[in-house]
């Protein structure tokens, strides 16, 4: 296990330059030391690193679609950086992992060369706060997997993330981006046949809008995952009934 560090605000401001974004720049320990703080947490970065090496190397041809890449990597980030949610909310940890530990993966996933990212959006993957859940590179993957995993593992995580529409609908917009809501939708997606729900964009969007409307009058945290699951199933039955 490897000790996790966090990067200070001054770290991301000083280290994430245009040159860093557009070249294969990596930083030495001496360069990072003034901006690094040790945490009480550890992670299996060796195992996670092997996953990243594989998807970028021998397994790369399987992941031409970036959605498939996220579906493969997100469960590994959640499993091998197995920290409490309060630690996962610390943006400094994710900034350290992306800027210092594996900037090569972030540049690979959001490559400028293939038009998958702009310089601004790439910068955000390195520097954004976890308050913007969809932006920070590794935090984004951690929370995607955490919100969608089930008792059976990460099958639903992979199902949702492989579909760009459903992933964007749940995580890119803020109306549904709450753990009880996404966990409930993931449960329903797990139980239903793909073509009945998650592969039918019209049905998925109609259910999402209906749930979003209900959230203007109820608290997802108060209702809980079970209550939200019941609500999602009710909306689905009305849409398809």
C-alpha atoms as a PDB file:
ATOM      1  CA  UNK A   1       0.000   0.000   0.000  1.00  0.00           C
ATOM      2  CA  UNK A   2       1.144   3.528  -0.771  1.00  0.00           C
ATOM      3  CA  UNK A   3       0.687   6.561   1.450  1.00  0.00           C
ATOM      4  CA  UNK A   4      -1.624   9.131  -0.121  1.00  0.00           C
ATOM      5  CA  UNK A   5      -0.652  12.766  -0.285  1.00  0.00           C
ATOM      6  CA  UNK A   6      -2.695  15.827  -1.032  1.00  0.00           C
ATOM      7  CA  UNK A   7      -1.640  18.784  -3.134  1.00  0.00           C
ATOM      8  CA  UNK A   8      -2.174  22.299  -1.807  1.00  0.00           C
ATOM      9  CA  UNK A   9      -3.947  25.004  -3.780  1.00  0.00           C
ATOM     10  CA  UNK A  10      -0.575  26.556  -4.509  1.00  0.00           C
ATOM     11  CA  UNK A  11       0.516  23.277  -6.020  1.00  0.00           C
ATOM     12  CA  UNK A  12      -2.080  23.131  -8.750  1.00  0.00           C
ATOM     13  CA  UNK A  13      -1.608  26.840  -9.484  1.00  0.00           C
ATOM     14  CA  UNK A  14       2.156  26.484  -9.880  1.00  0.00           C
ATOM     15  CA  UNK A  15       2.365  23.074 -11.521  1.00  0.00           C
ATOM     16  CA  UNK A  16      -0.480  23.003 -14.052  1.00  0.00           C
ATOM     17  CA  UNK A  17       1.011  25.190 -16.770  1.00  0.00           C
ATOM     18  CA  UNK A  18       0.348  25.154 -20.504  1.00  0.00           C
ATOM     19  CA  UNK A  19       3.635  23.309 -20.948  1.00  0.00           C
ATOM     20  CA  UNK A  20       2.533  20.681 -18.421  1.00  0.00           C
ATOM     21  CA  UNK A  21      -0.742  20.190 -20.301  1.00  0.00           C
ATOM     22  CA  UNK A  22       0.735  19.950 -23.789  1.00  0.00           C
ATOM     23  CA  UNK A  23       3.901  17.922 -23.128  1.00  0.00           C
ATOM     24  CA  UNK A  24       4.814  14.764 -21.225  1.00  0.00           C
ATOM     25  CA  UNK A  25       6.079  16.772 -18.253  1.00  0.00           C
ATOM     26  CA  UNK A  26       6.403  14.966 -14.930  1.00  0.00           C
ATOM     27  CA  UNK A  27       7.598  16.498 -11.682  1.00  0.00           C
ATOM     28  CA  UNK A  28      10.364  15.371  -9.358  1.00  0.00           C
ATOM     29  CA  UNK A  29       9.792  14.899  -5.647  1.00  0.00           C
ATOM     30  CA  UNK A  30      11.897  17.995  -4.953  1.00  0.00           C
ATOM     31  CA  UNK A  31       9.685  20.113  -7.218  1.00  0.00           C
ATOM     32  CA  UNK A  32       6.503  18.835  -5.592  1.00  0.00           C
ATOM     33  CA  UNK A  33       7.692  18.844  -1.969  1.00  0.00           C
ATOM     34  CA  UNK A  34       6.675  22.446  -1.119  1.00  0.00           C
ATOM     35  CA  UNK A  35       3.096  21.725  -2.204  1.00  0.00           C
ATOM     36  CA  UNK A  36       2.644  18.203  -0.798  1.00  0.00           C
ATOM     37  CA  UNK A  37       0.961  17.209   2.469  1.00  0.00           C
ATOM     38  CA  UNK A  38       0.770  13.670   3.842  1.00  0.00           C
ATOM     39  CA  UNK A  39      -2.649  12.217   4.671  1.00  0.00           C
ATOM     40  CA  UNK A  40      -3.607   9.370   7.003  1.00  0.00           C
ATOM     41  CA  UNK A  41      -4.845   7.280   4.076  1.00  0.00           C
ATOM     42  CA  UNK A  42      -3.219   4.638   1.892  1.00  0.00           C
ATOM     43  CA  UNK A  43      -4.147   3.153  -1.470  1.00  0.00           C
ATOM     44  CA  UNK A  44      -3.040   0.281  -3.674  1.00  0.00           C
ATOM     45  CA  UNK A  45      -1.530   2.513  -6.334  1.00  0.00           C
ATOM     46  CA  UNK A  46       0.629  -0.306  -7.689  1.00  0.00           C
ATOM     47  CA  UNK A  47      -2.454  -2.303  -8.707  1.00  0.00           C
ATOM     48  CA  UNK A  48      -4.251   0.752 -10.047  1.00  0.00           C
ATOM     49  CA  UNK A  49      -1.154   1.698 -11.967  1.00  0.00           C
ATOM     50  CA  UNK A  50      -1.071  -1.712 -13.629  1.00  0.00           C
ATOM     51  CA  UNK A  51      -4.682  -1.230 -14.764  1.00  0.00           C
ATOM     52  CA  UNK A  52      -3.828   2.160 -16.248  1.00  0.00           C
ATOM     53  CA  UNK A  53      -0.741   0.745 -17.957  1.00  0.00           C
ATOM     54  CA  UNK A  54      -2.837  -2.037 -19.499  1.00  0.00           C
ATOM     55  CA  UNK A  55      -5.645   0.157 -20.851  1.00  0.00           C
ATOM     56  CA  UNK A  56      -3.054   2.511 -22.325  1.00  0.00           C
ATOM     57  CA  UNK A  57      -0.877  -0.298 -23.669  1.00  0.00           C
ATOM     58  CA  UNK A  58      -1.752  -3.908 -24.481  1.00  0.00           C
ATOM     59  CA  UNK A  59      -5.482  -3.354 -23.985  1.00  0.00           C
ATOM     60  CA  UNK A  60      -5.701  -0.005 -25.759  1.00  0.00           C
ATOM     61  CA  UNK A  61      -7.376  -1.345 -28.910  1.00  0.00           C
ATOM     62  CA  UNK A  62     -10.374  -2.372 -26.801  1.00  0.00           C
ATOM     63  CA  UNK A  63     -10.992   1.186 -25.666  1.00  0.00           C
ATOM     64  CA  UNK A  64     -11.216   3.400 -28.732  1.00  0.00           C
ATOM     65  CA  UNK A  65     -14.482   4.620 -27.244  1.00  0.00           C
ATOM     66  CA  UNK A  66     -13.706   6.762 -24.217  1.00  0.00           C
ATOM     67  CA  UNK A  67     -16.926   5.548 -22.569  1.00  0.00           C
ATOM     68  CA  UNK A  68     -15.575   1.997 -22.591  1.00  0.00           C
ATOM     69  CA  UNK A  69     -12.347   3.299 -21.076  1.00  0.00           C
ATOM     70  CA  UNK A  70     -14.211   4.961 -18.197  1.00  0.00           C
ATOM     71  CA  UNK A  71     -16.234   1.798 -17.636  1.00  0.00           C
ATOM     72  CA  UNK A  72     -13.017  -0.194 -17.283  1.00  0.00           C
ATOM     73  CA  UNK A  73     -11.050   2.238 -15.127  1.00  0.00           C
ATOM     74  CA  UNK A  74     -13.700   3.623 -12.756  1.00  0.00           C
ATOM     75  CA  UNK A  75     -14.182   0.362 -10.783  1.00  0.00           C
ATOM     76  CA  UNK A  76     -10.403   0.035 -10.409  1.00  0.00           C
ATOM     77  CA  UNK A  77     -10.083   3.577  -9.060  1.00  0.00           C
ATOM     78  CA  UNK A  78     -12.846   2.913  -6.525  1.00  0.00           C
ATOM     79  CA  UNK A  79     -11.425  -0.469  -5.471  1.00  0.00           C
ATOM     80  CA  UNK A  80      -7.770   0.456  -5.190  1.00  0.00           C
ATOM     81  CA  UNK A  81      -8.272   3.932  -3.728  1.00  0.00           C
ATOM     82  CA  UNK A  82     -10.540   2.534  -1.052  1.00  0.00           C
ATOM     83  CA  UNK A  83     -10.888   5.561   1.192  1.00  0.00           C
ATOM     84  CA  UNK A  84     -13.899   6.891   3.129  1.00  0.00           C
ATOM     85  CA  UNK A  85     -16.164   9.324   1.297  1.00  0.00           C
ATOM     86  CA  UNK A  86     -14.996  12.193   3.500  1.00  0.00           C
ATOM     87  CA  UNK A  87     -11.470  11.567   2.206  1.00  0.00           C
ATOM     88  CA  UNK A  88     -12.725  11.245  -1.363  1.00  0.00           C
ATOM     89  CA  UNK A  89     -14.199  14.722  -0.984  1.00  0.00           C
ATOM     90  CA  UNK A  90     -10.695  16.127  -0.457  1.00  0.00           C
ATOM     91  CA  UNK A  91      -9.805  17.565  -3.837  1.00  0.00           C
ATOM     92  CA  UNK A  92      -6.124  17.780  -2.840  1.00  0.00           C
ATOM     93  CA  UNK A  93      -5.795  13.981  -2.915  1.00  0.00           C
ATOM     94  CA  UNK A  94      -7.146  13.806  -6.459  1.00  0.00           C
ATOM     95  CA  UNK A  95      -5.013  16.731  -7.580  1.00  0.00           C
ATOM     96  CA  UNK A  96      -1.935  14.906  -6.310  1.00  0.00           C
ATOM     97  CA  UNK A  97      -2.860  11.692  -8.108  1.00  0.00           C
ATOM     98  CA  UNK A  98      -3.519  13.429 -11.409  1.00  0.00           C
ATOM     99  CA  UNK A  99      -0.768  16.066 -11.388  1.00  0.00           C
ATOM    100  CA  UNK A 100       2.033  14.156  -9.660  1.00  0.00           C
ATOM    101  CA  UNK A 101       1.279  10.422  -9.766  1.00  0.00           C
ATOM    102  CA  UNK A 102      -0.230   9.727 -13.215  1.00  0.00           C
ATOM    103  CA  UNK A 103      -0.602  12.831 -15.378  1.00  0.00           C
ATOM    104  CA  UNK A 104       0.092  10.606 -18.376  1.00  0.00           C
ATOM    105  CA  UNK A 105      -3.256   8.856 -17.944  1.00  0.00           C
ATOM    106  CA  UNK A 106      -5.192  12.107 -17.673  1.00  0.00           C
ATOM    107  CA  UNK A 107      -3.568  13.387 -20.869  1.00  0.00           C
ATOM    108  CA  UNK A 108      -4.293  10.053 -22.540  1.00  0.00           C
ATOM    109  CA  UNK A 109      -7.969   9.957 -21.559  1.00  0.00           C
ATOM    110  CA  UNK A 110      -8.597  13.588 -22.476  1.00  0.00           C
ATOM    111  CA  UNK A 111      -6.083  13.786 -25.296  1.00  0.00           C
ATOM    112  CA  UNK A 112      -5.743  16.999 -27.213  1.00  0.00           C
ATOM    113  CA  UNK A 113      -4.404  15.213 -30.280  1.00  0.00           C
ATOM    114  CA  UNK A 114      -7.639  13.390 -31.175  1.00  0.00           C
ATOM    115  CA  UNK A 115      -9.895  16.297 -30.385  1.00  0.00           C
ATOM    116  CA  UNK A 116     -11.319  14.614 -27.273  1.00  0.00           C
ATOM    117  CA  UNK A 117     -10.613  17.673 -25.156  1.00  0.00           C
ATOM    118  CA  UNK A 118      -9.807  21.370 -25.277  1.00  0.00           C
ATOM    119  CA  UNK A 119      -6.964  22.933 -23.330  1.00  0.00           C
ATOM    120  CA  UNK A 120      -9.494  24.440 -20.922  1.00  0.00           C
ATOM    121  CA  UNK A 121     -11.321  21.189 -20.244  1.00  0.00           C
ATOM    122  CA  UNK A 122      -8.045  19.284 -19.885  1.00  0.00           C
ATOM    123  CA  UNK A 123      -6.861  21.837 -17.335  1.00  0.00           C
ATOM    124  CA  UNK A 124     -10.092  21.312 -15.393  1.00  0.00           C
ATOM    125  CA  UNK A 125      -9.442  17.563 -15.182  1.00  0.00           C
ATOM    126  CA  UNK A 126      -6.279  18.392 -13.245  1.00  0.00           C
ATOM    127  CA  UNK A 127      -7.432  21.348 -11.167  1.00  0.00           C
ATOM    128  CA  UNK A 128     -11.193  21.435 -10.575  1.00  0.00           C
ATOM    129  CA  UNK A 129     -12.767  21.014  -7.157  1.00  0.00           C
ATOM    130  CA  UNK A 130     -14.756  17.907  -6.220  1.00  0.00           C
ATOM    131  CA  UNK A 131     -17.734  20.247  -5.930  1.00  0.00           C
ATOM    132  CA  UNK A 132     -17.830  19.904  -9.711  1.00  0.00           C
ATOM    133  CA  UNK A 133     -18.040  16.131  -9.618  1.00  0.00           C
ATOM    134  CA  UNK A 134     -17.761  15.599 -13.348  1.00  0.00           C
ATOM    135  CA  UNK A 135     -14.491  17.507 -13.773  1.00  0.00           C
ATOM    136  CA  UNK A 136     -11.575  16.149 -11.649  1.00  0.00           C
ATOM    137  CA  UNK A 137     -10.099  13.176 -13.511  1.00  0.00           C
ATOM    138  CA  UNK A 138      -9.713  10.474 -10.868  1.00  0.00           C
ATOM    139  CA  UNK A 139     -12.338  11.842  -8.459  1.00  0.00           C
ATOM    140  CA  UNK A 140     -14.866  11.709 -11.285  1.00  0.00           C
ATOM    141  CA  UNK A 141     -14.170   8.010 -11.826  1.00  0.00           C
ATOM    142  CA  UNK A 142     -14.180   7.232  -8.079  1.00  0.00           C
ATOM    143  CA  UNK A 143     -17.579   8.805  -7.493  1.00  0.00           C
ATOM    144  CA  UNK A 144     -19.078   7.343 -10.658  1.00  0.00           C
ATOM    145  CA  UNK A 145     -18.183   3.868  -9.435  1.00  0.00           C
ATOM    146  CA  UNK A 146     -19.142   4.565  -5.829  1.00  0.00           C
ATOM    147  CA  UNK A 147     -22.576   5.906  -6.768  1.00  0.00           C
ATOM    148  CA  UNK A 148     -23.418   3.064  -9.144  1.00  0.00           C
ATOM    149  CA  UNK A 149     -21.902  -0.057  -7.591  1.00  0.00           C
ATOM    150  CA  UNK A 150     -24.254  -2.711  -6.260  1.00  0.00           C
ATOM    151  CA  UNK A 151     -24.042  -5.724  -4.005  1.00  0.00           C
ATOM    152  CA  UNK A 152     -23.057  -7.664  -7.100  1.00  0.00           C
ATOM    153  CA  UNK A 153     -20.070  -5.421  -7.751  1.00  0.00           C
ATOM    154  CA  UNK A 154     -19.577  -3.022 -10.635  1.00  0.00           C
ATOM    155  CA  UNK A 155     -21.701  -4.588 -13.348  1.00  0.00           C
ATOM    156  CA  UNK A 156     -24.124  -1.660 -13.288  1.00  0.00           C
ATOM    157  CA  UNK A 157     -21.247   0.826 -13.190  1.00  0.00           C
ATOM    158  CA  UNK A 158     -19.915  -0.657 -16.410  1.00  0.00           C
ATOM    159  CA  UNK A 159     -23.402  -0.774 -17.936  1.00  0.00           C
ATOM    160  CA  UNK A 160     -24.041   2.911 -17.271  1.00  0.00           C
ATOM    161  CA  UNK A 161     -20.602   4.250 -18.133  1.00  0.00           C
ATOM    162  CA  UNK A 162     -20.388   2.381 -21.423  1.00  0.00           C
ATOM    163  CA  UNK A 163     -23.383   4.402 -22.582  1.00  0.00           C
ATOM    164  CA  UNK A 164     -22.348   8.009 -23.056  1.00  0.00           C
ATOM    165  CA  UNK A 165     -25.902   9.318 -22.864  1.00  0.00           C
ATOM    166  CA  UNK A 166     -26.750   7.729 -19.524  1.00  0.00           C
ATOM    167  CA  UNK A 167     -23.371   8.653 -18.010  1.00  0.00           C
ATOM    168  CA  UNK A 168     -23.715  12.271 -19.081  1.00  0.00           C
ATOM    169  CA  UNK A 169     -27.354  12.435 -17.968  1.00  0.00           C
ATOM    170  CA  UNK A 170     -26.551  11.207 -14.483  1.00  0.00           C
ATOM    171  CA  UNK A 171     -23.226  12.904 -13.844  1.00  0.00           C
ATOM    172  CA  UNK A 172     -22.814  15.876 -16.170  1.00  0.00           C
ATOM    173  CA  UNK A 173     -26.005  17.649 -15.149  1.00  0.00           C
ATOM    174  CA  UNK A 174     -26.568  18.572 -11.542  1.00  0.00           C
ATOM    175  CA  UNK A 175     -30.267  17.778 -11.105  1.00  0.00           C
ATOM    176  CA  UNK A 176     -29.733  14.040 -10.490  1.00  0.00           C
ATOM    177  CA  UNK A 177     -26.156  14.109  -9.200  1.00  0.00           C
ATOM    178  CA  UNK A 178     -26.927  12.853  -5.695  1.00  0.00           C
ATOM    179  CA  UNK A 179     -25.821   9.505  -4.357  1.00  0.00           C
ATOM    180  CA  UNK A 180     -29.306   8.193  -3.339  1.00  0.00           C
ATOM    181  CA  UNK A 181     -30.728   9.169  -6.730  1.00  0.00           C
ATOM    182  CA  UNK A 182     -27.987   7.647  -8.856  1.00  0.00           C
ATOM    183  CA  UNK A 183     -27.778   4.541  -6.673  1.00  0.00           C
ATOM    184  CA  UNK A 184     -31.549   4.070  -7.089  1.00  0.00           C
ATOM    185  CA  UNK A 185     -31.405   4.485 -10.871  1.00  0.00           C
ATOM    186  CA  UNK A 186     -28.484   2.067 -10.970  1.00  0.00           C
ATOM    187  CA  UNK A 187     -30.522  -0.539  -9.088  1.00  0.00           C
ATOM    188  CA  UNK A 188     -33.362  -0.232 -11.584  1.00  0.00           C
ATOM    189  CA  UNK A 189     -30.934  -0.414 -14.508  1.00  0.00           C
ATOM    190  CA  UNK A 190     -29.429  -3.546 -12.974  1.00  0.00           C
ATOM    191  CA  UNK A 191     -32.814  -5.300 -12.776  1.00  0.00           C
ATOM    192  CA  UNK A 192     -34.279  -4.310 -16.138  1.00  0.00           C
ATOM    193  CA  UNK A 193     -33.231  -5.554 -19.547  1.00  0.00           C
ATOM    194  CA  UNK A 194     -30.973  -3.049 -21.247  1.00  0.00           C
ATOM    195  CA  UNK A 195     -33.330  -2.415 -24.166  1.00  0.00           C
ATOM    196  CA  UNK A 196     -36.173  -1.670 -21.754  1.00  0.00           C
ATOM    197  CA  UNK A 197     -34.445   1.180 -19.979  1.00  0.00           C
ATOM    198  CA  UNK A 198     -30.817   2.138 -20.306  1.00  0.00           C
ATOM    199  CA  UNK A 199     -30.563   1.613 -24.083  1.00  0.00           C
ATOM    200  CA  UNK A 200     -33.796   3.512 -24.736  1.00  0.00           C
ATOM    201  CA  UNK A 201     -32.710   7.144 -24.540  1.00  0.00           C
ATOM    202  CA  UNK A 202     -36.271   8.446 -24.743  1.00  0.00           C
ATOM    203  CA  UNK A 203     -37.479   6.302 -21.855  1.00  0.00           C
ATOM    204  CA  UNK A 204     -34.363   7.004 -19.815  1.00  0.00           C
ATOM    205  CA  UNK A 205     -34.667  10.765 -20.321  1.00  0.00           C
ATOM    206  CA  UNK A 206     -38.393  10.823 -19.559  1.00  0.00           C
ATOM    207  CA  UNK A 207     -37.859   8.920 -16.312  1.00  0.00           C
ATOM    208  CA  UNK A 208     -34.913  11.171 -15.433  1.00  0.00           C
ATOM    209  CA  UNK A 209     -36.984  14.308 -15.998  1.00  0.00           C
ATOM    210  CA  UNK A 210     -39.844  12.933 -13.903  1.00  0.00           C
ATOM    211  CA  UNK A 211     -37.506  12.074 -11.037  1.00  0.00           C
ATOM    212  CA  UNK A 212     -35.818  15.466 -11.346  1.00  0.00           C
ATOM    213  CA  UNK A 213     -39.202  17.174 -11.050  1.00  0.00           C
ATOM    214  CA  UNK A 214     -39.989  15.248  -7.859  1.00  0.00           C
ATOM    215  CA  UNK A 215     -36.666  16.360  -6.387  1.00  0.00           C
ATOM    216  CA  UNK A 216     -37.910  19.948  -6.387  1.00  0.00           C
ATOM    217  CA  UNK A 217     -40.287  19.007  -3.551  1.00  0.00           C
ATOM    218  CA  UNK A 218     -38.542  16.150  -1.729  1.00  0.00           C
ATOM    219  CA  UNK A 219     -35.084  15.531  -0.295  1.00  0.00           C
ATOM    220  CA  UNK A 220     -33.253  12.548  -1.725  1.00  0.00           C
ATOM    221  CA  UNK A 221     -31.219  12.240   1.461  1.00  0.00           C
ATOM    222  CA  UNK A 222     -34.395  12.094   3.558  1.00  0.00           C
ATOM    223  CA  UNK A 223     -36.083   9.553   1.311  1.00  0.00           C
ATOM    224  CA  UNK A 224     -32.943   7.433   1.036  1.00  0.00           C
ATOM    225  CA  UNK A 225     -31.894   4.972  -1.639  1.00  0.00           C
ATOM    226  CA  UNK A 226     -34.819   2.586  -1.061  1.00  0.00           C
ATOM    227  CA  UNK A 227     -37.347   5.405  -1.274  1.00  0.00           C
ATOM    228  CA  UNK A 228     -35.724   6.795  -4.402  1.00  0.00           C
ATOM    229  CA  UNK A 229     -35.683   3.345  -5.998  1.00  0.00           C
ATOM    230  CA  UNK A 230     -39.423   3.036  -5.397  1.00  0.00           C
ATOM    231  CA  UNK A 231     -39.926   6.457  -6.992  1.00  0.00           C
ATOM    232  CA  UNK A 232     -37.794   5.581 -10.037  1.00  0.00           C
ATOM    233  CA  UNK A 233     -39.750   2.357 -10.553  1.00  0.00           C
ATOM    234  CA  UNK A 234     -43.052   4.254 -10.306  1.00  0.00           C
ATOM    235  CA  UNK A 235     -41.902   6.746 -12.943  1.00  0.00           C
ATOM    236  CA  UNK A 236     -40.644   3.964 -15.178  1.00  0.00           C
ATOM    237  CA  UNK A 237     -43.955   2.083 -14.927  1.00  0.00           C
ATOM    238  CA  UNK A 238     -45.891   5.222 -15.832  1.00  0.00           C
ATOM    239  CA  UNK A 239     -43.686   5.924 -18.832  1.00  0.00           C
ATOM    240  CA  UNK A 240     -43.814   2.378 -20.191  1.00  0.00           C
ATOM    241  CA  UNK A 241     -47.221   1.257 -18.951  1.00  0.00           C
END
